[in-house]
Each structure stands twice: as structure tokens, then as C-alpha cells.
Amino acid sequence: MTLLDESASGVFVIAVTPFGEDGALDLDSTDRLVDFYLERGVTGITVLGMMGEAPKLTAEEARVFVRRVLRRLDGRVPVVVGVSSPGLASMRELSAAVMDDGAAGVMVAPPGTVRTDDQIHGYYQGVAEALGPRTPFVLQDYPLSTGVQIAPPVINRIVAEVPGCVMLKHEDWPGLAKISALRAASDRGETRRISILTGNGGLFLPEELGRGADGAMTGFAWPEMMVDVWRAHASDEVERAHDLFDAYLPLARYEQQPGFGLAVRKHLLARRGAIASAALRKPGPRLTPDDIAEIDRLVARQERRLKEIG
């Protein structure tokens, strides 16, 4: 097992959790989904993320799902597991289990109860103590969801004093200036350089890469878009990266609707054959015929744009 470290780059796709129409875990679709992601060139997979319906799973279901993903991957790409929890004891238990099963690292978002800079720093010190020195972790910075604002100096302090923090999942919005500030600090030698992968459905990926991000850790029904944009940017084909991104932008925008976007993503993944059913575990929204008609139109327009850019 290769552990996650500061050099991680590329696209760590946030995996959906497949369910049957009856709400049960669909493990056969889990295998199909893993194969689908690998075929699209992802460099890692993140499971039990906020868009993976993790709070709807029992503790045993979470373990079963993670084991199934790891078994299907068989070490071909690293797996990061979301373990955010109100309590450190349950976080420690799940983290130890998934690391024993072969995960490369875990991801932790701050609870909404931490507000001040010192509280945030102290929380992640506690996380590191709970996880132990052999479990690398991703600091998930998603204030639109958590309500916790983490300023660049606080992130730099955590990076400097908590060696287990090897990656930032940057999901602040607007947040381009934050990436620039973090990279400027590490370029000046003021702090350790860690991996920065970005979220928000990839809506700002070309600009984020230009500011110094190493790739993306997010979901989209066309993960190959993010992979191709990252590859083009890494090859200094910046205009091509933007052209590829532009071809998908209307659909990416549509999929990013709060409280509704996961239903769109699962519908599209089912349409593409990655999963058998688009079902969300209840409670969750269902698409209307009008929604599906809009999606069909967006997909058709996307396909035309892709033909134009070649």
C-alpha cells in the first residue's frame, strides 16, 4: 500500500455511492463504477465524500463499500476515504479500519463548532493525535458546506505543525486568491509545500491550475474532462485546457446545483453505463421530465462542441 503524500496530483474523483431502486447498496455497480473511473484516467478515487451520501450509510455499509472499492482497484490508484465525524473516537475507528484495508489516506472536514483560528488549529492537532503518525490526511476546506472559514495563515500553521496533513482539498468559493497565498508562502520557504486539489465540481479548474493547484478532487459525470484539462495544463497547452473545459461548462454548471446536482450526476452516470440505477438513498430529490429534457439538450450541445474542438 502506497500512502498519500505531498506529491499527489491529477484527478482524485469523488465517487458516488451506487444504490438499487430499493435503497440497498449496489455492489455490482460499485465494480462497474470503479472500472469506469479508471478507464477515464483518474489518478485516485475518494469515497464517502459529501457527494457520496456517506451520512446515509450505516457504519457497516461504509466498511463494506470501501472494501469493495479497494478490492476492485487492487492498488492501481490510491483511495482516500472521508472520515469526518463530530467525534474523534468514531473518526479514529473508521480511519484505522480503512487504512488496515488498504486506503492511502483519509479526509477530514472541520465541524461547524470550531470558529476561531485557535480552535481550528487545535481541532486538527487533535485529529492528527487521533489518527496517529502513520495515517496521512486531507484537510477539507469547504466553508460553503461546513460554515468554517479557514484563512491561509491558519492552513499554513497546521501544515507547519501537523506533519500528517499532506493535502488541502480546496473548496472555498471565491478562493483563487487563497491558492495564490498558500503557494506564495511555500515558494518563499515559509511552510512545507503540500498537494492542493480543488473541488466545486471543477467549475474553476483551469484558473485553479493556473494559480498553482495540483489537480482536482471532485465529481462530475465526465471525469475525463477534468483529466484532460489537467493533462493539457501540465503540458503547457493552456489554451487547449480552456477549450476542453469550455465544452463541458454548461453541463458542469447545471450539475453543480445545490441539493439537486447529485441527482443529475447519478442520472448521467447511469446514462453512461457506469451504474445501473440513478437512485439516491432517501431522502433525496428525483428528476422531473422537464429536468431530463434540459439535461438531454445540454448533453447534445456538449457533444457538438467537442466535435468542433477535435
Protein backbone atom coordinates (compact mmCIF):
# COMPACT_ATOMS: atom_id res chain seq x y z
CA MET A 1 0.00 0.00 0.00
CA THR A 2 1.34 3.43 -1.03
CA LEU A 3 0.39 6.18 1.38
CA LEU A 4 -0.82 9.58 0.28
CA ASP A 5 1.84 12.27 0.37
CA GLU A 6 2.51 15.87 -0.59
CA SER A 7 3.32 14.97 -4.22
CA ALA A 8 -0.21 13.81 -5.11
CA SER A 9 -1.57 15.33 -8.31
CA GLY A 10 -4.08 14.73 -11.08
CA VAL A 11 -7.74 13.92 -10.56
CA PHE A 12 -8.96 12.12 -7.44
CA VAL A 13 -12.56 11.71 -8.45
CA ILE A 14 -15.21 11.87 -5.73
CA ALA A 15 -17.12 8.63 -6.22
CA VAL A 16 -20.87 8.40 -5.93
CA THR A 17 -22.27 5.53 -3.89
CA PRO A 18 -24.45 3.26 -6.09
CA PHE A 19 -27.81 2.15 -4.72
CA GLY A 20 -30.54 -0.03 -6.15
CA GLU A 21 -34.09 1.21 -6.56
CA ASP A 22 -34.82 -0.39 -3.19
CA GLY A 23 -32.17 1.72 -1.48
CA ALA A 24 -29.72 -1.14 -0.90
CA LEU A 25 -26.03 -0.83 -1.73
CA ASP A 26 -25.39 -1.96 -5.31
CA LEU A 27 -22.00 -3.64 -5.12
CA ASP A 28 -22.05 -4.87 -8.71
CA SER A 29 -22.45 -1.26 -9.83
CA THR A 30 -19.63 -0.33 -7.47
CA ASP A 31 -17.34 -2.55 -9.54
CA ARG A 32 -18.63 -1.02 -12.77
CA LEU A 33 -18.15 2.48 -11.41
CA VAL A 34 -14.55 1.81 -10.39
CA ASP A 35 -13.80 0.44 -13.86
CA PHE A 36 -15.49 3.48 -15.43
CA TYR A 37 -13.34 5.88 -13.44
CA LEU A 38 -10.13 4.01 -14.22
CA GLU A 39 -10.93 3.93 -17.93
CA ARG A 40 -11.25 7.73 -17.85
CA GLY A 41 -7.73 8.12 -16.47
CA VAL A 42 -8.26 9.24 -12.89
CA THR A 43 -5.19 9.18 -10.67
CA GLY A 44 -7.10 8.47 -7.46
CA ILE A 45 -10.57 7.85 -6.05
CA THR A 46 -12.15 9.44 -2.99
CA VAL A 47 -15.06 7.67 -1.33
CA LEU A 48 -17.50 8.62 1.43
CA GLY A 49 -17.22 12.27 0.47
CA MET A 50 -20.02 14.78 0.90
CA MET A 51 -21.39 13.88 -2.54
CA GLY A 52 -21.08 10.16 -1.75
CA GLU A 53 -24.12 10.15 0.57
CA ALA A 54 -21.88 8.98 3.40
CA PRO A 55 -24.24 10.17 6.19
CA LYS A 56 -26.93 7.85 4.78
CA LEU A 57 -24.77 4.74 5.24
CA THR A 58 -24.56 2.65 8.36
CA ALA A 59 -21.09 2.08 9.79
CA GLU A 60 -21.11 -1.47 8.43
CA GLU A 61 -22.26 -0.35 4.98
CA ALA A 62 -19.45 2.21 4.85
CA ARG A 63 -16.91 -0.51 5.61
CA VAL A 64 -18.41 -2.88 3.02
CA PHE A 65 -18.42 -0.18 0.34
CA VAL A 66 -14.83 0.90 0.98
CA ARG A 67 -13.62 -2.70 0.95
CA ARG A 68 -15.38 -3.34 -2.34
CA VAL A 69 -13.76 -0.30 -3.97
CA LEU A 70 -10.32 -1.28 -2.66
CA ARG A 71 -10.71 -4.85 -3.81
CA ARG A 72 -11.74 -3.80 -7.30
CA LEU A 73 -8.88 -1.33 -7.60
CA ASP A 74 -6.30 -3.78 -6.30
CA GLY A 75 -3.78 -1.00 -5.70
CA ARG A 76 -3.92 0.53 -9.18
CA VAL A 77 -4.66 4.04 -7.85
CA PRO A 78 -4.78 5.41 -4.29
CA VAL A 79 -8.04 5.68 -2.37
CA VAL A 80 -8.86 8.46 0.06
CA VAL A 81 -11.74 7.86 2.47
CA GLY A 82 -13.85 10.61 4.02
CA VAL A 83 -13.95 10.07 7.78
CA SER A 84 -15.32 13.39 9.03
CA SER A 85 -17.25 12.93 12.24
CA PRO A 86 -18.46 15.05 15.16
CA GLY A 87 -16.36 12.88 17.49
CA LEU A 88 -12.71 11.86 17.26
CA ALA A 89 -13.39 8.36 18.61
CA SER A 90 -15.61 7.35 15.69
CA MET A 91 -13.19 9.02 13.29
CA ARG A 92 -10.30 7.04 14.76
CA GLU A 93 -12.23 3.78 14.49
CA LEU A 94 -13.21 4.21 10.83
CA SER A 95 -9.78 5.54 9.85
CA ALA A 96 -7.96 2.61 11.44
CA ALA A 97 -10.29 0.17 9.69
CA VAL A 98 -9.96 1.63 6.19
CA MET A 99 -6.20 2.08 6.49
CA ASP A 100 -5.90 -1.58 7.50
CA ASP A 101 -7.96 -2.44 4.43
CA GLY A 102 -5.56 -0.57 2.14
CA ALA A 103 -6.65 3.06 1.89
CA ALA A 104 -3.93 5.60 1.10
CA GLY A 105 -5.23 8.26 3.45
CA VAL A 106 -8.32 9.90 4.90
CA MET A 107 -10.10 13.22 4.53
CA VAL A 108 -11.34 15.36 7.41
CA ALA A 109 -13.58 18.44 7.31
CA PRO A 110 -13.85 20.66 10.38
CA PRO A 111 -17.06 20.50 12.42
CA GLY A 112 -19.24 23.58 12.46
CA THR A 113 -18.50 24.05 16.17
CA VAL A 114 -14.97 25.38 15.56
CA ARG A 115 -14.88 29.07 14.76
CA THR A 116 -11.72 30.84 15.85
CA ASP A 117 -8.30 30.35 14.33
CA ASP A 118 -7.01 28.71 17.51
CA GLN A 119 -9.99 26.36 17.65
CA ILE A 120 -9.44 25.25 14.04
CA HIS A 121 -5.73 24.69 14.62
CA GLY A 122 -6.40 22.82 17.85
CA TYR A 123 -9.00 20.66 16.17
CA TYR A 124 -6.57 19.45 13.51
CA GLN A 125 -3.91 18.82 16.14
CA GLY A 126 -6.48 16.59 17.82
CA VAL A 127 -7.26 14.89 14.51
CA ALA A 128 -3.58 14.08 14.00
CA GLU A 129 -3.31 12.64 17.51
CA ALA A 130 -6.44 10.54 16.98
CA LEU A 131 -5.32 9.19 13.60
CA GLY A 132 -1.75 8.51 14.64
CA PRO A 133 1.50 9.30 12.83
CA ARG A 134 1.07 6.66 10.10
CA THR A 135 -2.23 7.97 8.71
CA PRO A 136 -1.87 10.90 6.29
CA PHE A 137 -4.90 13.11 5.94
CA VAL A 138 -6.50 15.67 3.66
CA LEU A 139 -7.75 18.91 5.19
CA GLN A 140 -11.11 19.56 3.55
CA ASP A 141 -11.71 23.30 3.31
CA TYR A 142 -15.35 23.67 2.23
CA PRO A 143 -16.80 26.68 4.07
CA LEU A 144 -19.96 26.81 1.92
CA SER A 145 -20.93 23.48 3.50
CA THR A 146 -19.23 23.48 6.91
CA GLY A 147 -19.62 27.17 7.72
CA VAL A 148 -15.99 27.19 8.89
CA GLN A 149 -13.71 29.83 7.36
CA ILE A 150 -10.04 28.79 7.38
CA ALA A 151 -7.69 31.62 6.43
CA PRO A 152 -4.37 30.90 4.66
CA PRO A 153 -2.26 31.66 7.76
CA VAL A 154 -4.23 29.06 9.71
CA ILE A 155 -3.71 26.46 6.99
CA ASN A 156 0.00 27.30 6.92
CA ARG A 157 0.18 26.90 10.69
CA ILE A 158 -1.50 23.50 10.51
CA VAL A 159 0.85 22.41 7.71
CA ALA A 160 3.88 23.58 9.69
CA GLU A 161 2.89 21.89 12.96
CA VAL A 162 0.92 18.83 11.84
CA PRO A 163 3.06 16.58 9.60
CA GLY A 164 0.16 14.23 8.88
CA CYS A 165 -1.59 16.92 6.84
CA VAL A 166 -0.32 16.24 3.31
CA MET A 167 -3.09 17.69 1.15
CA LEU A 168 -5.61 20.51 1.07
CA LYS A 169 -8.92 19.89 -0.62
CA HIS A 170 -9.57 23.48 -1.59
CA GLU A 171 -13.26 24.20 -1.98
CA ASP A 172 -13.56 27.80 -0.92
CA TRP A 173 -15.60 29.99 -3.25
CA PRO A 174 -14.37 32.50 -4.22
CA GLY A 175 -11.00 31.04 -3.43
CA LEU A 176 -8.45 31.68 -6.17
CA ALA A 177 -6.63 34.24 -4.03
CA LYS A 178 -6.33 31.63 -1.26
CA ILE A 179 -4.47 29.24 -3.58
CA SER A 180 -2.12 32.05 -4.61
CA ALA A 181 -1.44 32.97 -0.97
CA LEU A 182 -0.71 29.37 0.02
CA ARG A 183 1.62 28.79 -2.91
CA ALA A 184 3.42 32.09 -2.31
CA ALA A 185 4.11 31.07 1.29
CA SER A 186 5.56 27.70 0.32
CA ASP A 187 7.56 29.27 -2.54
CA ARG A 188 9.15 31.62 -0.02
CA GLY A 189 10.07 28.66 2.15
CA GLU A 190 7.81 29.76 4.97
CA THR A 191 5.98 26.46 5.09
CA ARG A 192 6.01 22.94 3.68
CA ARG A 193 4.55 22.58 0.20
CA ILE A 194 1.55 20.24 0.25
CA SER A 195 -0.68 19.00 -2.52
CA ILE A 196 -3.68 21.18 -3.35
CA LEU A 197 -6.58 19.52 -5.15
CA THR A 198 -9.72 21.53 -5.82
CA GLY A 199 -13.45 20.87 -5.66
CA ASN A 200 -16.73 22.59 -6.53
CA GLY A 201 -17.41 20.27 -9.45
CA GLY A 202 -14.36 21.56 -11.31
CA LEU A 203 -16.12 24.85 -12.13
CA PHE A 204 -12.90 26.86 -11.76
CA LEU A 205 -10.37 24.17 -12.66
CA PRO A 206 -8.37 25.99 -15.38
CA GLU A 207 -7.96 29.08 -13.21
CA GLU A 208 -7.13 26.97 -10.14
CA LEU A 209 -4.41 25.13 -12.04
CA GLY A 210 -3.04 28.47 -13.15
CA ARG A 211 -2.84 29.57 -9.51
CA GLY A 212 -0.81 26.51 -8.51
CA ALA A 213 -3.30 23.74 -7.75
CA ASP A 214 -2.06 20.21 -8.47
CA GLY A 215 -5.35 18.92 -9.83
CA ALA A 216 -8.91 18.25 -8.70
CA MET A 217 -10.68 16.20 -6.07
CA THR A 218 -14.31 16.47 -7.04
CA GLY A 219 -17.04 14.77 -9.00
CA PHE A 220 -18.51 15.22 -12.47
CA ALA A 221 -20.30 12.78 -14.75
CA TRP A 222 -17.49 13.29 -17.30
CA PRO A 223 -14.35 12.82 -15.17
CA GLU A 224 -12.32 12.64 -18.37
CA MET A 225 -12.91 16.38 -18.80
CA MET A 226 -11.01 17.10 -15.59
CA VAL A 227 -8.30 14.59 -16.51
CA ASP A 228 -7.84 16.09 -19.98
CA VAL A 229 -7.83 19.66 -18.68
CA TRP A 230 -5.21 18.74 -16.06
CA ARG A 231 -3.06 16.92 -18.62
CA ALA A 232 -3.25 19.76 -21.13
CA HIS A 233 -2.36 22.31 -18.48
CA ALA A 234 0.56 20.18 -17.27
CA SER A 235 1.83 20.07 -20.86
CA ASP A 236 1.66 23.89 -21.11
CA GLU A 237 -1.26 23.65 -23.53
CA VAL A 238 -3.17 26.20 -21.54
CA GLU A 239 -5.49 27.35 -24.34
CA ARG A 240 -6.43 23.76 -25.13
CA ALA A 241 -7.15 23.20 -21.44
CA HIS A 242 -9.57 26.12 -21.53
CA ASP A 243 -11.17 24.94 -24.78
CA LEU A 244 -11.80 21.49 -23.32
CA PHE A 245 -13.22 22.98 -20.17
CA ASP A 246 -15.46 25.37 -22.08
CA ALA A 247 -17.04 22.48 -24.00
CA TYR A 248 -18.36 20.98 -20.76
CA LEU A 249 -19.06 24.12 -18.75
CA PRO A 250 -22.85 24.43 -19.26
CA LEU A 251 -23.40 20.86 -18.12
CA ALA A 252 -20.93 21.19 -15.23
CA ARG A 253 -22.81 24.32 -14.14
CA TYR A 254 -26.14 22.51 -14.29
CA GLU A 255 -24.77 19.58 -12.30
CA GLN A 256 -23.46 21.86 -9.56
CA GLN A 257 -26.89 22.99 -8.33
CA PRO A 258 -27.01 22.71 -4.51
CA GLY A 259 -29.24 19.93 -3.21
CA PHE A 260 -30.05 18.77 -6.72
CA GLY A 261 -26.76 18.23 -8.52
CA LEU A 262 -26.13 14.72 -7.20
CA ALA A 263 -29.38 13.53 -8.76
CA VAL A 264 -28.20 14.98 -12.08
CA ARG A 265 -24.78 13.35 -11.73
CA LYS A 266 -26.21 9.95 -10.92
CA HIS A 267 -28.68 10.22 -13.82
CA LEU A 268 -25.82 10.93 -16.21
CA LEU A 269 -23.61 8.18 -14.79
CA ALA A 270 -26.46 5.72 -15.24
CA ARG A 271 -27.00 7.02 -18.77
CA ARG A 272 -23.29 6.43 -19.47
CA GLY A 273 -23.49 2.87 -18.12
CA ALA A 274 -21.33 3.46 -15.05
CA ILE A 275 -24.08 2.46 -12.61
CA ALA A 276 -27.30 0.50 -13.02
CA SER A 277 -29.60 2.94 -11.24
CA ALA A 278 -29.63 6.69 -10.69
CA ALA A 279 -31.32 6.20 -7.31
CA LEU A 280 -30.33 8.30 -4.32
CA ARG A 281 -30.93 6.83 -0.91
CA LYS A 282 -33.87 8.57 0.72
CA PRO A 283 -34.30 11.37 1.46
CA GLY A 284 -33.25 12.78 -1.88
CA PRO A 285 -34.63 14.56 -4.94
CA ARG A 286 -35.91 12.93 -8.12
CA LEU A 287 -35.62 14.43 -11.57
CA THR A 288 -38.74 15.54 -13.39
CA PRO A 289 -39.38 15.06 -17.14
CA ASP A 290 -38.52 18.76 -17.59
CA ASP A 291 -35.19 18.25 -15.80
CA ILE A 292 -34.33 15.30 -18.03
CA ALA A 293 -35.26 17.21 -21.19
CA GLU A 294 -32.91 20.04 -20.16
CA ILE A 295 -30.12 17.56 -19.46
CA ASP A 296 -30.62 15.87 -22.84
CA ARG A 297 -30.30 19.22 -24.58
CA LEU A 298 -27.14 20.11 -22.67
CA VAL A 299 -25.55 16.75 -23.48
CA ALA A 300 -26.35 17.13 -27.19
CA ARG A 301 -24.84 20.60 -27.27
CA GLN A 302 -21.77 19.39 -25.40
CA GLU A 303 -21.20 16.63 -27.95
CA ARG A 304 -21.35 19.16 -30.80
CA ARG A 305 -18.80 21.42 -29.10
CA LEU A 306 -16.41 18.51 -28.58
CA LYS A 307 -16.53 17.68 -32.28
CA GLU A 308 -15.70 21.29 -33.10
CA ILE A 309 -12.53 21.39 -30.98
CA GLY A 310 -11.41 17.89 -32.02
